[in-house]
Amino acid sequence: MWDVPGQQLANPDWLDLEPVRVLYEYDGPRIFTCQDKAGKLLLAYLCSEDRTRRRFLLVPFDADLEQQLTAGQIDLRDALTRSPAWIVDVANDWQPLALWLVEVESLPANVLPRPGVMLWASLRPVLNGTAPAIYKSLTAPLA
């Protein structure tokens, strides 16, 4: 498991990792919304795991962002590049083991999805003038 580049926090008790809505599941929830104890919505993204724990990136989220993500208006990377952000390690029984406050930009490159990766493979990104180059290259006419 990689070292987390952030400030370790002493108490993860403000988190409630019970999924509110599972957005992607494979052998358990991989991407889901959850809430903090105050009821604020968070997006959780499984960014690493081993035999004894799972590591999630948590970022603030709301109903508008959820609609944009599930409609293909933003990709996963855009949804996850929010501040503040936290990394939380949970045991296999979902009990929090450790929590860090992090800057998403400081995380290892392989932790986040690549630009252009959508929530579901069936989604086609909404193209506009600011679309990442990967979108444009994938949709360009063949010569």
Foldseek 3Di string as FASTA:
>chain_A
DDDAPFAWDDDPQQFDPPFPAQLDDDPGGAWGWGAGVVRFIWIWHFQDDDPWKTKIKIAGDDPVLVVCQVQQAAAQVVSRQHPFMKIWIATPVRHTDIMGGHHPVPDDPSRGDDGPHGSDPPHQHDDDPPHDVVSVVVPPDDD
